């Protein structure tokens, strides 16, 4: 499947992940403030590199596999 998550900006995406997505939250928690700032900037730049939106928002196409399990 293909989808393109949308956010107001690459910065918003990083802020949401910093506070609610476990692996990113843990990465920031493990770093001192200067390293947190560097990681933040690196993530924003990475997202911006793949951003296909032309209006300042963020749209990054991605693929994923969806698996549905039914119990009989």
C-alpha atoms as a PDB file:
ATOM      1  CA  UNK A   1       0.000   0.000   0.000  1.00  0.00           C
ATOM      2  CA  UNK A   2       1.070   3.582  -0.534  1.00  0.00           C
ATOM      3  CA  UNK A   3       0.086   6.560   1.494  1.00  0.00           C
ATOM      4  CA  UNK A   4       1.344  10.053   2.092  1.00  0.00           C
ATOM      5  CA  UNK A   5       1.106  11.260   5.687  1.00  0.00           C
ATOM      6  CA  UNK A   6       0.397  14.973   5.909  1.00  0.00           C
ATOM      7  CA  UNK A   7       1.546  17.437   8.554  1.00  0.00           C
ATOM      8  CA  UNK A   8       1.638  21.226   8.745  1.00  0.00           C
ATOM      9  CA  UNK A   9       5.425  21.158   8.331  1.00  0.00           C
ATOM     10  CA  UNK A  10       8.475  18.930   8.766  1.00  0.00           C
ATOM     11  CA  UNK A  11       9.011  20.643  12.130  1.00  0.00           C
ATOM     12  CA  UNK A  12       5.516  19.645  13.289  1.00  0.00           C
ATOM     13  CA  UNK A  13       6.204  16.031  12.338  1.00  0.00           C
ATOM     14  CA  UNK A  14       9.374  15.986  14.411  1.00  0.00           C
ATOM     15  CA  UNK A  15       7.650  17.636  17.390  1.00  0.00           C
ATOM     16  CA  UNK A  16       4.858  15.053  17.343  1.00  0.00           C
ATOM     17  CA  UNK A  17       7.332  12.177  17.116  1.00  0.00           C
ATOM     18  CA  UNK A  18       9.500  13.670  19.893  1.00  0.00           C
ATOM     19  CA  UNK A  19       6.590  13.520  22.316  1.00  0.00           C
ATOM     20  CA  UNK A  20       4.550  10.504  21.232  1.00  0.00           C
ATOM     21  CA  UNK A  21       6.559   7.994  19.170  1.00  0.00           C
ATOM     22  CA  UNK A  22       8.520   5.699  21.464  1.00  0.00           C
ATOM     23  CA  UNK A  23      11.806   5.253  19.604  1.00  0.00           C
ATOM     24  CA  UNK A  24      12.178   8.968  18.833  1.00  0.00           C
ATOM     25  CA  UNK A  25      11.025   9.966  22.323  1.00  0.00           C
ATOM     26  CA  UNK A  26      13.643   7.642  23.848  1.00  0.00           C
ATOM     27  CA  UNK A  27      16.373   8.913  21.538  1.00  0.00           C
ATOM     28  CA  UNK A  28      15.758  12.508  22.571  1.00  0.00           C
ATOM     29  CA  UNK A  29      15.517  11.558  26.264  1.00  0.00           C
ATOM     30  CA  UNK A  30      18.928   9.881  26.081  1.00  0.00           C
ATOM     31  CA  UNK A  31      20.679  12.977  24.717  1.00  0.00           C
ATOM     32  CA  UNK A  32      21.946  16.185  26.283  1.00  0.00           C
ATOM     33  CA  UNK A  33      20.286  19.405  25.004  1.00  0.00           C
ATOM     34  CA  UNK A  34      22.975  20.263  22.409  1.00  0.00           C
ATOM     35  CA  UNK A  35      22.730  16.768  20.903  1.00  0.00           C
ATOM     36  CA  UNK A  36      18.923  16.974  21.006  1.00  0.00           C
ATOM     37  CA  UNK A  37      19.087  20.148  18.928  1.00  0.00           C
ATOM     38  CA  UNK A  38      21.368  18.433  16.414  1.00  0.00           C
ATOM     39  CA  UNK A  39      19.064  15.401  16.172  1.00  0.00           C
ATOM     40  CA  UNK A  40      16.039  17.679  15.769  1.00  0.00           C
ATOM     41  CA  UNK A  41      17.719  19.557  12.909  1.00  0.00           C
ATOM     42  CA  UNK A  42      18.876  16.321  11.267  1.00  0.00           C
ATOM     43  CA  UNK A  43      15.348  14.870  11.369  1.00  0.00           C
ATOM     44  CA  UNK A  44      13.766  18.055   9.986  1.00  0.00           C
ATOM     45  CA  UNK A  45      16.324  18.123   7.160  1.00  0.00           C
ATOM     46  CA  UNK A  46      15.774  14.427   6.377  1.00  0.00           C
ATOM     47  CA  UNK A  47      12.007  14.879   6.188  1.00  0.00           C
ATOM     48  CA  UNK A  48      12.384  18.034   4.099  1.00  0.00           C
ATOM     49  CA  UNK A  49      14.577  16.143   1.634  1.00  0.00           C
ATOM     50  CA  UNK A  50      11.729  13.745   0.812  1.00  0.00           C
ATOM     51  CA  UNK A  51       8.885  16.253   1.151  1.00  0.00           C
ATOM     52  CA  UNK A  52       6.843  16.519  -2.056  1.00  0.00           C
ATOM     53  CA  UNK A  53       4.581  19.365  -0.882  1.00  0.00           C
ATOM     54  CA  UNK A  54       5.263  22.735  -2.465  1.00  0.00           C
ATOM     55  CA  UNK A  55       3.237  24.880  -0.043  1.00  0.00           C
ATOM     56  CA  UNK A  56       5.261  24.638   3.173  1.00  0.00           C
ATOM     57  CA  UNK A  57       3.318  21.656   4.502  1.00  0.00           C
ATOM     58  CA  UNK A  58       4.731  18.145   4.700  1.00  0.00           C
ATOM     59  CA  UNK A  59       3.763  15.239   2.489  1.00  0.00           C
ATOM     60  CA  UNK A  60       6.172  12.308   2.324  1.00  0.00           C
ATOM     61  CA  UNK A  61       5.057   9.260   0.344  1.00  0.00           C
ATOM     62  CA  UNK A  62       5.638   5.988   2.109  1.00  0.00           C
ATOM     63  CA  UNK A  63       4.853   2.347   1.647  1.00  0.00           C
ATOM     64  CA  UNK A  64       3.664  -0.050   4.271  1.00  0.00           C
ATOM     65  CA  UNK A  65       2.325  -3.533   4.609  1.00  0.00           C
ATOM     66  CA  UNK A  66      -1.016  -3.965   6.322  1.00  0.00           C
ATOM     67  CA  UNK A  67      -1.767  -7.333   7.852  1.00  0.00           C
ATOM     68  CA  UNK A  68      -5.234  -8.186   9.153  1.00  0.00           C
ATOM     69  CA  UNK A  69      -5.668 -11.232  11.337  1.00  0.00           C
ATOM     70  CA  UNK A  70      -9.109 -12.654  11.917  1.00  0.00           C
ATOM     71  CA  UNK A  71      -9.926 -15.144  14.617  1.00  0.00           C
ATOM     72  CA  UNK A  72     -12.227 -18.015  13.674  1.00  0.00           C
END
